[in-house]
Amino acid sequence: MADSYRSEYVGFTVTEVSREYRLRVTSMGEEARNFTVAIPNKAFLARQVRYQDAPDVCFLKLQRALAAHAGLQGTRLTVTASELEEYRESHAPRPGKPRPRYPIPETAKPQAT
C-alpha cells in the first residue's frame, strides 16, 4: 500500500485547541484526497511533542489510517497521547551511544591577545 500513494504536507493552521496539519494523498488515476491531522496544543505545552516533530507524527498517523482503511476519504484525524508517547519512545536516543562531537575549527576559536 505504501507504494501505491503519495502523501504531501500542505500546511498547518493553529486553532484555539490544536495545531491542524493539512496533508494531501494522491494515487495513480484517482482524485487527490485531503486530510487534516490535529495535535492538541496542550501536547506541545506539556512537551509531549516538539514542534519540529509534529509533521512526522501526522504523516505516521495518516499512514496507519490509510493502511487500515485503504479507501479512506478526506477526513479529520486527531493524534492521541498514547500515539505521542509511542513516537517519543521510538525516537529516543539509544542509551550508551554517545552523540558525535565535532571539533571546533581553529578559525572559530577566540584569539588570545
PDB file of N, CA and C in Angstrom:
ATOM      1  N   MET A   1       0.815  -1.198   0.000  1.00  0.00           N
ATOM      2  CA  MET A   1       0.000   0.000   0.000  1.00  0.00           C
ATOM      3  C   MET A   1       0.854   1.254   0.000  1.00  0.00           C
ATOM      4  N   ALA A   2       1.979   1.278   0.698  1.00  0.00           N
ATOM      5  CA  ALA A   2       2.806   2.470   0.815  1.00  0.00           C
ATOM      6  C   ALA A   2       3.316   2.943  -0.536  1.00  0.00           C
ATOM      7  N   ASP A   3       3.493   2.028  -1.504  1.00  0.00           N
ATOM      8  CA  ASP A   3       3.992   2.404  -2.811  1.00  0.00           C
ATOM      9  C   ASP A   3       2.893   2.860  -3.745  1.00  0.00           C
ATOM     10  N   SER A   4       1.640   2.673  -3.379  1.00  0.00           N
ATOM     11  CA  SER A   4       0.553   2.981  -4.288  1.00  0.00           C
ATOM     12  C   SER A   4      -0.023   4.387  -4.100  1.00  0.00           C
ATOM     13  N   TYR A   5       0.467   5.150  -3.170  1.00  0.00           N
ATOM     14  CA  TYR A   5       0.004   6.516  -2.988  1.00  0.00           C
ATOM     15  C   TYR A   5       1.163   7.416  -2.562  1.00  0.00           C
ATOM     16  N   ARG A   6       0.929   8.698  -2.700  1.00  0.00           N
ATOM     17  CA  ARG A   6       1.921   9.685  -2.288  1.00  0.00           C
ATOM     18  C   ARG A   6       1.230  10.689  -1.378  1.00  0.00           C
ATOM     19  N   SER A   7       1.840  10.983  -0.251  1.00  0.00           N
ATOM     20  CA  SER A   7       1.263  11.981   0.644  1.00  0.00           C
ATOM     21  C   SER A   7       2.200  13.178   0.700  1.00  0.00           C
ATOM     22  N   GLU A   8       1.602  14.352   0.786  1.00  0.00           N
ATOM     23  CA  GLU A   8       2.410  15.561   0.860  1.00  0.00           C
ATOM     24  C   GLU A   8       1.843  16.523   1.893  1.00  0.00           C
ATOM     25  N   TYR A   9       2.735  17.245   2.530  1.00  0.00           N
ATOM     26  CA  TYR A   9       2.390  18.250   3.528  1.00  0.00           C
ATOM     27  C   TYR A   9       1.923  19.502   2.791  1.00  0.00           C
ATOM     28  N   VAL A  10       0.786  20.045   3.190  1.00  0.00           N
ATOM     29  CA  VAL A  10       0.229  21.214   2.523  1.00  0.00           C
ATOM     30  C   VAL A  10       0.345  22.467   3.393  1.00  0.00           C
ATOM     31  N   GLY A  11       0.373  22.300   4.701  1.00  0.00           N
ATOM     32  CA  GLY A  11       0.474  23.429   5.615  1.00  0.00           C
ATOM     33  C   GLY A  11      -0.227  23.127   6.922  1.00  0.00           C
ATOM     34  N   PHE A  12      -0.261  24.134   7.799  1.00  0.00           N
ATOM     35  CA  PHE A  12      -0.944  23.925   9.073  1.00  0.00           C
ATOM     36  C   PHE A  12      -1.665  25.194   9.491  1.00  0.00           C
ATOM     37  N   THR A  13      -2.598  25.012  10.398  1.00  0.00           N
ATOM     38  CA  THR A  13      -3.370  26.102  10.972  1.00  0.00           C
ATOM     39  C   THR A  13      -3.368  25.918  12.482  1.00  0.00           C
ATOM     40  N   VAL A  14      -3.249  27.019  13.196  1.00  0.00           N
ATOM     41  CA  VAL A  14      -3.318  26.960  14.652  1.00  0.00           C
ATOM     42  C   VAL A  14      -4.709  27.437  15.056  1.00  0.00           C
ATOM     43  N   THR A  15      -5.396  26.609  15.838  1.00  0.00           N
ATOM     44  CA  THR A  15      -6.701  26.986  16.368  1.00  0.00           C
ATOM     45  C   THR A  15      -6.573  27.172  17.877  1.00  0.00           C
ATOM     46  N   GLU A  16      -7.660  27.452  18.529  1.00  0.00           N
ATOM     47  CA  GLU A  16      -7.626  27.628  19.983  1.00  0.00           C
ATOM     48  C   GLU A  16      -7.238  26.352  20.710  1.00  0.00           C
ATOM     49  N   VAL A  17      -7.567  25.200  20.137  1.00  0.00           N
ATOM     50  CA  VAL A  17      -7.335  23.936  20.847  1.00  0.00           C
ATOM     51  C   VAL A  17      -6.294  23.023  20.208  1.00  0.00           C
ATOM     52  N   SER A  18      -5.923  23.280  18.957  1.00  0.00           N
ATOM     53  CA  SER A  18      -4.985  22.358  18.311  1.00  0.00           C
ATOM     54  C   SER A  18      -4.220  23.017  17.177  1.00  0.00           C
ATOM     55  N   ARG A  19      -3.215  22.307  16.736  1.00  0.00           N
ATOM     56  CA  ARG A  19      -2.493  22.627  15.519  1.00  0.00           C
ATOM     57  C   ARG A  19      -2.974  21.607  14.507  1.00  0.00           C
ATOM     58  N   GLU A  20      -3.498  22.076  13.384  1.00  0.00           N
ATOM     59  CA  GLU A  20      -4.078  21.180  12.391  1.00  0.00           C
ATOM     60  C   GLU A  20      -3.203  21.158  11.146  1.00  0.00           C
ATOM     61  N   TYR A  21      -2.654  19.996  10.862  1.00  0.00           N
ATOM     62  CA  TYR A  21      -1.756  19.811   9.721  1.00  0.00           C
ATOM     63  C   TYR A  21      -2.560  19.272   8.544  1.00  0.00           C
ATOM     64  N   ARG A  22      -2.414  19.931   7.404  1.00  0.00           N
ATOM     65  CA  ARG A  22      -3.136  19.523   6.201  1.00  0.00           C
ATOM     66  C   ARG A  22      -2.215  18.684   5.325  1.00  0.00           C
ATOM     67  N   LEU A  23      -2.709  17.512   4.942  1.00  0.00           N
ATOM     68  CA  LEU A  23      -1.960  16.579   4.102  1.00  0.00           C
ATOM     69  C   LEU A  23      -2.824  16.192   2.909  1.00  0.00           C
ATOM     70  N   ARG A  24      -2.183  15.993   1.770  1.00  0.00           N
ATOM     71  CA  ARG A  24      -2.901  15.587   0.557  1.00  0.00           C
ATOM     72  C   ARG A  24      -2.339  14.242   0.108  1.00  0.00           C
ATOM     73  N   VAL A  25      -3.244  13.327  -0.197  1.00  0.00           N
ATOM     74  CA  VAL A  25      -2.854  11.994  -0.664  1.00  0.00           C
ATOM     75  C   VAL A  25      -3.302  11.849  -2.112  1.00  0.00           C
ATOM     76  N   THR A  26      -2.367  11.434  -2.956  1.00  0.00           N
ATOM     77  CA  THR A  26      -2.693  11.190  -4.355  1.00  0.00           C
ATOM     78  C   THR A  26      -2.316   9.758  -4.707  1.00  0.00           C
ATOM     79  N   SER A  27      -3.159   9.146  -5.513  1.00  0.00           N
ATOM     80  CA  SER A  27      -2.930   7.785  -6.012  1.00  0.00           C
ATOM     81  C   SER A  27      -3.050   7.823  -7.526  1.00  0.00           C
ATOM     82  N   MET A  28      -2.400   6.889  -8.182  1.00  0.00           N
ATOM     83  CA  MET A  28      -2.477   6.812  -9.638  1.00  0.00           C
ATOM     84  C   MET A  28      -3.926   6.720 -10.091  1.00  0.00           C
ATOM     85  N   GLY A  29      -4.323   7.621 -10.965  1.00  0.00           N
ATOM     86  CA  GLY A  29      -5.649   7.549 -11.554  1.00  0.00           C
ATOM     87  C   GLY A  29      -6.794   7.969 -10.657  1.00  0.00           C
ATOM     88  N   GLU A  30      -6.507   8.472  -9.471  1.00  0.00           N
ATOM     89  CA  GLU A  30      -7.567   8.886  -8.552  1.00  0.00           C
ATOM     90  C   GLU A  30      -7.437  10.364  -8.231  1.00  0.00           C
ATOM     91  N   GLU A  31      -8.527  10.943  -7.806  1.00  0.00           N
ATOM     92  CA  GLU A  31      -8.527  12.338  -7.391  1.00  0.00           C
ATOM     93  C   GLU A  31      -7.837  12.460  -6.027  1.00  0.00           C
ATOM     94  N   ALA A  32      -7.186  13.586  -5.799  1.00  0.00           N
ATOM     95  CA  ALA A  32      -6.487  13.815  -4.532  1.00  0.00           C
ATOM     96  C   ALA A  32      -7.479  13.811  -3.369  1.00  0.00           C
ATOM     97  N   ARG A  33      -7.032  13.267  -2.245  1.00  0.00           N
ATOM     98  CA  ARG A  33      -7.830  13.263  -1.015  1.00  0.00           C
ATOM     99  C   ARG A  33      -7.118  14.142   0.002  1.00  0.00           C
ATOM    100  N   ASN A  34      -7.852  15.033   0.636  1.00  0.00           N
ATOM    101  CA  ASN A  34      -7.285  15.953   1.622  1.00  0.00           C
ATOM    102  C   ASN A  34      -7.642  15.503   3.030  1.00  0.00           C
ATOM    103  N   PHE A  35      -6.640  15.537   3.905  1.00  0.00           N
ATOM    104  CA  PHE A  35      -6.805  15.120   5.290  1.00  0.00           C
ATOM    105  C   PHE A  35      -6.308  16.224   6.214  1.00  0.00           C
ATOM    106  N   THR A  36      -6.890  16.284   7.388  1.00  0.00           N
ATOM    107  CA  THR A  36      -6.416  17.169   8.449  1.00  0.00           C
ATOM    108  C   THR A  36      -6.083  16.285   9.639  1.00  0.00           C
ATOM    109  N   VAL A  37      -4.855  16.443  10.138  1.00  0.00           N
ATOM    110  CA  VAL A  37      -4.433  15.685  11.313  1.00  0.00           C
ATOM    111  C   VAL A  37      -4.124  16.700  12.406  1.00  0.00           C
ATOM    112  N   ALA A  38      -4.830  16.604  13.508  1.00  0.00           N
ATOM    113  CA  ALA A  38      -4.723  17.588  14.594  1.00  0.00           C
ATOM    114  C   ALA A  38      -3.908  17.043  15.763  1.00  0.00           C
ATOM    115  N   ILE A  39      -3.112  17.930  16.329  1.00  0.00           N
ATOM    116  CA  ILE A  39      -2.398  17.639  17.576  1.00  0.00           C
ATOM    117  C   ILE A  39      -2.832  18.715  18.567  1.00  0.00           C
ATOM    118  N   PRO A  40      -3.361  18.309  19.728  1.00  0.00           N
ATOM    119  CA  PRO A  40      -3.824  19.299  20.714  1.00  0.00           C
ATOM    120  C   PRO A  40      -2.689  20.236  21.149  1.00  0.00           C
ATOM    121  N   ASN A  41      -2.992  21.508  21.299  1.00  0.00           N
ATOM    122  CA  ASN A  41      -1.993  22.490  21.748  1.00  0.00           C
ATOM    123  C   ASN A  41      -1.387  22.100  23.085  1.00  0.00           C
ATOM    124  N   LYS A  42      -2.219  21.492  23.956  1.00  0.00           N
ATOM    125  CA  LYS A  42      -1.712  21.124  25.282  1.00  0.00           C
ATOM    126  C   LYS A  42      -0.576  20.093  25.192  1.00  0.00           C
ATOM    127  N   ALA A  43      -0.528  19.314  24.118  1.00  0.00           N
ATOM    128  CA  ALA A  43       0.556  18.343  23.945  1.00  0.00           C
ATOM    129  C   ALA A  43       1.889  19.056  23.704  1.00  0.00           C
ATOM    130  N   PHE A  44       1.852  20.179  22.988  1.00  0.00           N
ATOM    131  CA  PHE A  44       3.072  20.962  22.765  1.00  0.00           C
ATOM    132  C   PHE A  44       3.500  21.640  24.059  1.00  0.00           C
ATOM    133  N   LEU A  45       2.529  22.218  24.774  1.00  0.00           N
ATOM    134  CA  LEU A  45       2.840  22.926  26.013  1.00  0.00           C
ATOM    135  C   LEU A  45       3.364  21.995  27.097  1.00  0.00           C
ATOM    136  N   ALA A  46       2.880  20.747  27.100  1.00  0.00           N
ATOM    137  CA  ALA A  46       3.334  19.760  28.086  1.00  0.00           C
ATOM    138  C   ALA A  46       4.600  19.035  27.618  1.00  0.00           C
ATOM    139  N   ARG A  47       5.137  19.447  26.490  1.00  0.00           N
ATOM    140  CA  ARG A  47       6.347  18.865  25.899  1.00  0.00           C
ATOM    141  C   ARG A  47       6.197  17.381  25.601  1.00  0.00           C
ATOM    142  N   GLN A  48       4.976  16.991  25.220  1.00  0.00           N
ATOM    143  CA  GLN A  48       4.745  15.618  24.771  1.00  0.00           C
ATOM    144  C   GLN A  48       5.215  15.442  23.334  1.00  0.00           C
ATOM    145  N   VAL A  49       5.295  16.546  22.606  1.00  0.00           N
ATOM    146  CA  VAL A  49       5.752  16.527  21.216  1.00  0.00           C
ATOM    147  C   VAL A  49       6.443  17.860  20.924  1.00  0.00           C
ATOM    148  N   ARG A  50       7.486  17.789  20.109  1.00  0.00           N
ATOM    149  CA  ARG A  50       8.181  19.010  19.703  1.00  0.00           C
ATOM    150  C   ARG A  50       7.572  19.521  18.399  1.00  0.00           C
ATOM    151  N   TYR A  51       7.590  20.826  18.232  1.00  0.00           N
ATOM    152  CA  TYR A  51       7.014  21.419  17.024  1.00  0.00           C
ATOM    153  C   TYR A  51       7.654  20.838  15.762  1.00  0.00           C
ATOM    154  N   GLN A  52       8.964  20.617  15.783  1.00  0.00           N
ATOM    155  CA  GLN A  52       9.638  20.105  14.596  1.00  0.00           C
ATOM    156  C   GLN A  52       9.311  18.636  14.311  1.00  0.00           C
ATOM    157  N   ASP A  53       8.806  17.905  15.304  1.00  0.00           N
ATOM    158  CA  ASP A  53       8.433  16.505  15.096  1.00  0.00           C
ATOM    159  C   ASP A  53       6.979  16.344  14.652  1.00  0.00           C
ATOM    160  N   ALA A  54       6.178  17.374  14.829  1.00  0.00           N
ATOM    161  CA  ALA A  54       4.742  17.270  14.584  1.00  0.00           C
ATOM    162  C   ALA A  54       4.382  16.818  13.164  1.00  0.00           C
ATOM    163  N   PRO A  55       4.995  17.354  12.098  1.00  0.00           N
ATOM    164  CA  PRO A  55       4.638  16.862  10.763  1.00  0.00           C
ATOM    165  C   PRO A  55       4.900  15.367  10.596  1.00  0.00           C
ATOM    166  N   ASP A  56       6.013  14.882  11.143  1.00  0.00           N
ATOM    167  CA  ASP A  56       6.331  13.451  11.058  1.00  0.00           C
ATOM    168  C   ASP A  56       5.293  12.624  11.810  1.00  0.00           C
ATOM    169  N   VAL A  57       4.898  13.086  12.979  1.00  0.00           N
ATOM    170  CA  VAL A  57       3.859  12.405  13.760  1.00  0.00           C
ATOM    171  C   VAL A  57       2.572  12.316  12.941  1.00  0.00           C
ATOM    172  N   CYS A  58       2.222  13.406  12.276  1.00  0.00           N
ATOM    173  CA  CYS A  58       0.996  13.439  11.475  1.00  0.00           C
ATOM    174  C   CYS A  58       1.084  12.512  10.261  1.00  0.00           C
ATOM    175  N   PHE A  59       2.234  12.492   9.590  1.00  0.00           N
ATOM    176  CA  PHE A  59       2.409  11.573   8.468  1.00  0.00           C
ATOM    177  C   PHE A  59       2.235  10.129   8.919  1.00  0.00           C
ATOM    178  N   LEU A  60       2.816   9.785  10.065  1.00  0.00           N
ATOM    179  CA  LEU A  60       2.696   8.417  10.572  1.00  0.00           C
ATOM    180  C   LEU A  60       1.249   8.081  10.927  1.00  0.00           C
ATOM    181  N   LYS A  61       0.536   9.023  11.535  1.00  0.00           N
ATOM    182  CA  LYS A  61      -0.875   8.813  11.878  1.00  0.00           C
ATOM    183  C   LYS A  61      -1.689   8.552  10.610  1.00  0.00           C
ATOM    184  N   LEU A  62      -1.462   9.357   9.584  1.00  0.00           N
ATOM    185  CA  LEU A  62      -2.182   9.191   8.323  1.00  0.00           C
ATOM    186  C   LEU A  62      -1.796   7.884   7.642  1.00  0.00           C
ATOM    187  N   GLN A  63      -0.538   7.550   7.666  1.00  0.00           N
ATOM    188  CA  GLN A  63      -0.069   6.302   7.059  1.00  0.00           C
ATOM    189  C   GLN A  63      -0.753   5.089   7.696  1.00  0.00           C
ATOM    190  N   ARG A  64      -0.866   5.094   9.016  1.00  0.00           N
ATOM    191  CA  ARG A  64      -1.543   3.992   9.714  1.00  0.00           C
ATOM    192  C   ARG A  64      -3.029   3.936   9.371  1.00  0.00           C
ATOM    193  N   ALA A  65      -3.651   5.106   9.297  1.00  0.00           N
ATOM    194  CA  ALA A  65      -5.086   5.158   8.975  1.00  0.00           C
ATOM    195  C   ALA A  65      -5.326   4.623   7.564  1.00  0.00           C
ATOM    196  N   LEU A  66      -4.455   4.985   6.630  1.00  0.00           N
ATOM    197  CA  LEU A  66      -4.609   4.507   5.253  1.00  0.00           C
ATOM    198  C   LEU A  66      -4.315   3.012   5.136  1.00  0.00           C
ATOM    199  N   ALA A  67      -3.384   2.521   5.936  1.00  0.00           N
ATOM    200  CA  ALA A  67      -3.080   1.088   5.914  1.00  0.00           C
ATOM    201  C   ALA A  67      -4.272   0.286   6.430  1.00  0.00           C
ATOM    202  N   ALA A  68      -4.973   0.841   7.405  1.00  0.00           N
ATOM    203  CA  ALA A  68      -6.124   0.155   7.977  1.00  0.00           C
ATOM    204  C   ALA A  68      -7.366   0.280   7.096  1.00  0.00           C
ATOM    205  N   HIS A  69      -7.475   1.399   6.382  1.00  0.00           N
ATOM    206  CA  HIS A  69      -8.651   1.682   5.546  1.00  0.00           C
ATOM    207  C   HIS A  69      -8.166   2.317   4.255  1.00  0.00           C
ATOM    208  N   ALA A  70      -7.762   1.505   3.290  1.00  0.00           N
ATOM    209  CA  ALA A  70      -7.151   1.996   2.057  1.00  0.00           C
ATOM    210  C   ALA A  70      -8.020   3.015   1.326  1.00  0.00           C
ATOM    211  N   GLY A  71      -9.317   2.859   1.357  1.00  0.00           N
ATOM    212  CA  GLY A  71     -10.212   3.758   0.648  1.00  0.00           C
ATOM    213  C   GLY A  71     -10.642   4.962   1.457  1.00  0.00           C
ATOM    214  N   LEU A  72      -9.994   5.209   2.578  1.00  0.00           N
ATOM    215  CA  LEU A  72     -10.365   6.309   3.457  1.00  0.00           C
ATOM    216  C   LEU A  72     -10.399   7.617   2.684  1.00  0.00           C
ATOM    217  N   GLN A  73     -11.499   8.308   2.777  1.00  0.00           N
ATOM    218  CA  GLN A  73     -11.641   9.599   2.109  1.00  0.00           C
ATOM    219  C   GLN A  73     -11.200  10.701   3.062  1.00  0.00           C
ATOM    220  N   GLY A  74     -10.981  11.885   2.515  1.00  0.00           N
ATOM    221  CA  GLY A  74     -10.532  13.010   3.319  1.00  0.00           C
ATOM    222  C   GLY A  74     -11.310  13.144   4.605  1.00  0.00           C
ATOM    223  N   THR A  75     -10.610  13.287   5.682  1.00  0.00           N
ATOM    224  CA  THR A  75     -11.239  13.342   6.986  1.00  0.00           C
ATOM    225  C   THR A  75     -10.323  14.052   7.975  1.00  0.00           C
ATOM    226  N   ARG A  76     -10.790  14.228   9.183  1.00  0.00           N
ATOM    227  CA  ARG A  76     -10.001  14.835  10.251  1.00  0.00           C
ATOM    228  C   ARG A  76      -9.621  13.737  11.239  1.00  0.00           C
ATOM    229  N   LEU A  77      -8.343  13.654  11.526  1.00  0.00           N
ATOM    230  CA  LEU A  77      -7.828  12.682  12.494  1.00  0.00           C
ATOM    231  C   LEU A  77      -7.193  13.464  13.638  1.00  0.00           C
ATOM    232  N   THR A  78      -7.203  12.890  14.824  1.00  0.00           N
ATOM    233  CA  THR A  78      -6.569  13.527  15.979  1.00  0.00           C
ATOM    234  C   THR A  78      -5.536  12.580  16.566  1.00  0.00           C
ATOM    235  N   VAL A  79      -4.353  13.095  16.800  1.00  0.00           N
ATOM    236  CA  VAL A  79      -3.274  12.312  17.401  1.00  0.00           C
ATOM    237  C   VAL A  79      -3.548  12.192  18.893  1.00  0.00           C
ATOM    238  N   THR A  80      -3.452  10.972  19.402  1.00  0.00           N
ATOM    239  CA  THR A  80      -3.727  10.728  20.822  1.00  0.00           C
ATOM    240  C   THR A  80      -2.452  10.821  21.659  1.00  0.00           C
ATOM    241  N   ALA A  81      -2.627  10.936  22.956  1.00  0.00           N
ATOM    242  CA  ALA A  81      -1.491  10.984  23.874  1.00  0.00           C
ATOM    243  C   ALA A  81      -0.676   9.693  23.800  1.00  0.00           C
ATOM    244  N   SER A  82      -1.341   8.552  23.638  1.00  0.00           N
ATOM    245  CA  SER A  82      -0.605   7.280  23.556  1.00  0.00           C
ATOM    246  C   SER A  82       0.219   7.211  22.253  1.00  0.00           C
ATOM    247  N   GLU A  83      -0.279   7.789  21.173  1.00  0.00           N
ATOM    248  CA  GLU A  83       0.493   7.816  19.926  1.00  0.00           C
ATOM    249  C   GLU A  83       1.712   8.724  20.062  1.00  0.00           C
ATOM    250  N   LEU A  84       1.559   9.826  20.783  1.00  0.00           N
ATOM    251  CA  LEU A  84       2.705  10.706  21.020  1.00  0.00           C
ATOM    252  C   LEU A  84       3.758  10.015  21.882  1.00  0.00           C
ATOM    253  N   GLU A  85       3.314   9.280  22.879  1.00  0.00           N
ATOM    254  CA  GLU A  85       4.244   8.529  23.741  1.00  0.00           C
ATOM    255  C   GLU A  85       4.980   7.468  22.930  1.00  0.00           C
ATOM    256  N   GLU A  86       4.260   6.765  22.099  1.00  0.00           N
ATOM    257  CA  GLU A  86       4.872   5.744  21.245  1.00  0.00           C
ATOM    258  C   GLU A  86       5.909   6.371  20.309  1.00  0.00           C
ATOM    259  N   TYR A  87       5.590   7.529  19.749  1.00  0.00           N
ATOM    260  CA  TYR A  87       6.528   8.223  18.864  1.00  0.00           C
ATOM    261  C   TYR A  87       7.787   8.614  19.635  1.00  0.00           C
ATOM    262  N   ARG A  88       7.611   9.193  20.816  1.00  0.00           N
ATOM    263  CA  ARG A  88       8.767   9.611  21.625  1.00  0.00           C
ATOM    264  C   ARG A  88       9.657   8.432  21.972  1.00  0.00           C
ATOM    265  N   GLU A  89       9.044   7.324  22.369  1.00  0.00           N
ATOM    266  CA  GLU A  89       9.829   6.144  22.725  1.00  0.00           C
ATOM    267  C   GLU A  89      10.589   5.589  21.523  1.00  0.00           C
ATOM    268  N   SER A  90       9.957   5.589  20.371  1.00  0.00           N
ATOM    269  CA  SER A  90      10.618   5.030  19.186  1.00  0.00           C
ATOM    270  C   SER A  90      11.695   5.956  18.625  1.00  0.00           C
ATOM    271  N   HIS A  91      11.688   7.222  19.030  1.00  0.00           N
ATOM    272  CA  HIS A  91      12.679   8.175  18.530  1.00  0.00           C
ATOM    273  C   HIS A  91      13.630   8.672  19.621  1.00  0.00           C
ATOM    274  N   ALA A  92      13.616   8.017  20.755  1.00  0.00           N
ATOM    275  CA  ALA A  92      14.501   8.402  21.858  1.00  0.00           C
ATOM    276  C   ALA A  92      15.938   7.996  21.532  1.00  0.00           C
ATOM    277  N   PRO A  93      16.908   8.779  22.017  1.00  0.00           N
ATOM    278  CA  PRO A  93      18.315   8.402  21.796  1.00  0.00           C
ATOM    279  C   PRO A  93      18.611   7.055  22.446  1.00  0.00           C
ATOM    280  N   ARG A  94      19.430   6.282  21.815  1.00  0.00           N
ATOM    281  CA  ARG A  94      19.816   4.973  22.339  1.00  0.00           C
ATOM    282  C   ARG A  94      20.770   5.148  23.524  1.00  0.00           C
ATOM    283  N   PRO A  95      20.499   4.486  24.649  1.00  0.00           N
ATOM    284  CA  PRO A  95      21.407   4.619  25.798  1.00  0.00           C
ATOM    285  C   PRO A  95      22.763   3.989  25.480  1.00  0.00           C
ATOM    286  N   GLY A  96      23.784   4.647  26.003  1.00  0.00           N
ATOM    287  CA  GLY A  96      25.130   4.120  25.817  1.00  0.00           C
ATOM    288  C   GLY A  96      25.783   4.513  24.505  1.00  0.00           C
ATOM    289  N   LYS A  97      25.042   5.134  23.623  1.00  0.00           N
ATOM    290  CA  LYS A  97      25.617   5.560  22.355  1.00  0.00           C
ATOM    291  C   LYS A  97      25.852   7.064  22.440  1.00  0.00           C
ATOM    292  N   PRO A  98      27.117   7.483  22.550  1.00  0.00           N
ATOM    293  CA  PRO A  98      27.392   8.914  22.704  1.00  0.00           C
ATOM    294  C   PRO A  98      27.073   9.681  21.420  1.00  0.00           C
ATOM    295  N   ARG A  99      26.671  10.912  21.608  1.00  0.00           N
ATOM    296  CA  ARG A  99      26.448  11.780  20.458  1.00  0.00           C
ATOM    297  C   ARG A  99      27.799  12.140  19.850  1.00  0.00           C
ATOM    298  N   PRO A 100      27.846  12.269  18.541  1.00  0.00           N
ATOM    299  CA  PRO A 100      29.134  12.630  17.931  1.00  0.00           C
ATOM    300  C   PRO A 100      29.527  14.053  18.316  1.00  0.00           C
ATOM    301  N   ARG A 101      30.782  14.227  18.573  1.00  0.00           N
ATOM    302  CA  ARG A 101      31.302  15.557  18.890  1.00  0.00           C
ATOM    303  C   ARG A 101      32.184  15.975  17.728  1.00  0.00           C
ATOM    304  N   TYR A 102      31.925  17.151  17.260  1.00  0.00           N
ATOM    305  CA  TYR A 102      32.676  17.648  16.123  1.00  0.00           C
ATOM    306  C   TYR A 102      33.714  18.642  16.626  1.00  0.00           C
ATOM    307  N   PRO A 103      34.933  18.569  16.104  1.00  0.00           N
ATOM    308  CA  PRO A 103      35.959  19.514  16.564  1.00  0.00           C
ATOM    309  C   PRO A 103      35.609  20.940  16.132  1.00  0.00           C
ATOM    310  N   ILE A 104      35.989  21.895  16.960  1.00  0.00           N
ATOM    311  CA  ILE A 104      35.770  23.299  16.634  1.00  0.00           C
ATOM    312  C   ILE A 104      36.907  23.738  15.714  1.00  0.00           C
ATOM    313  N   PRO A 105      36.609  24.278  14.553  1.00  0.00           N
ATOM    314  CA  PRO A 105      37.669  24.715  13.645  1.00  0.00           C
ATOM    315  C   PRO A 105      38.499  25.826  14.292  1.00  0.00           C
ATOM    316  N   GLU A 106      39.773  25.832  13.988  1.00  0.00           N
ATOM    317  CA  GLU A 106      40.682  26.832  14.561  1.00  0.00           C
ATOM    318  C   GLU A 106      40.194  28.252  14.277  1.00  0.00           C
ATOM    319  N   THR A 107      39.603  28.465  13.136  1.00  0.00           N
ATOM    320  CA  THR A 107      39.135  29.809  12.774  1.00  0.00           C
ATOM    321  C   THR A 107      37.956  30.249  13.631  1.00  0.00           C
ATOM    322  N   ALA A 108      37.279  29.322  14.294  1.00  0.00           N
ATOM    323  CA  ALA A 108      36.127  29.667  15.120  1.00  0.00           C
ATOM    324  C   ALA A 108      36.497  29.894  16.580  1.00  0.00           C
ATOM    325  N   LYS A 109      37.734  29.534  16.942  1.00  0.00           N
ATOM    326  CA  LYS A 109      38.164  29.703  18.329  1.00  0.00           C
ATOM    327  C   LYS A 109      38.544  31.149  18.572  1.00  0.00           C
ATOM    328  N   PRO A 110      38.273  31.653  19.796  1.00  0.00           N
ATOM    329  CA  PRO A 110      38.654  33.041  20.111  1.00  0.00           C
ATOM    330  C   PRO A 110      40.183  33.202  20.081  1.00  0.00           C
ATOM    331  N   GLN A 111      40.625  34.322  19.590  1.00  0.00           N
ATOM    332  CA  GLN A 111      42.053  34.606  19.501  1.00  0.00           C
ATOM    333  C   GLN A 111      42.555  35.240  20.799  1.00  0.00           C
ATOM    334  N   ALA A 112      43.677  34.773  21.295  1.00  0.00           N
ATOM    335  CA  ALA A 112      44.284  35.329  22.503  1.00  0.00           C
ATOM    336  C   ALA A 112      44.979  36.633  22.147  1.00  0.00           C
ATOM    337  N   THR A 113      44.850  37.611  23.002  1.00  0.00           N
ATOM    338  CA  THR A 113      45.524  38.906  22.743  1.00  0.00           C
ATOM    339  C   THR A 113      46.589  39.204  23.741  1.00  0.00           C
TER     340      THR A 113
END
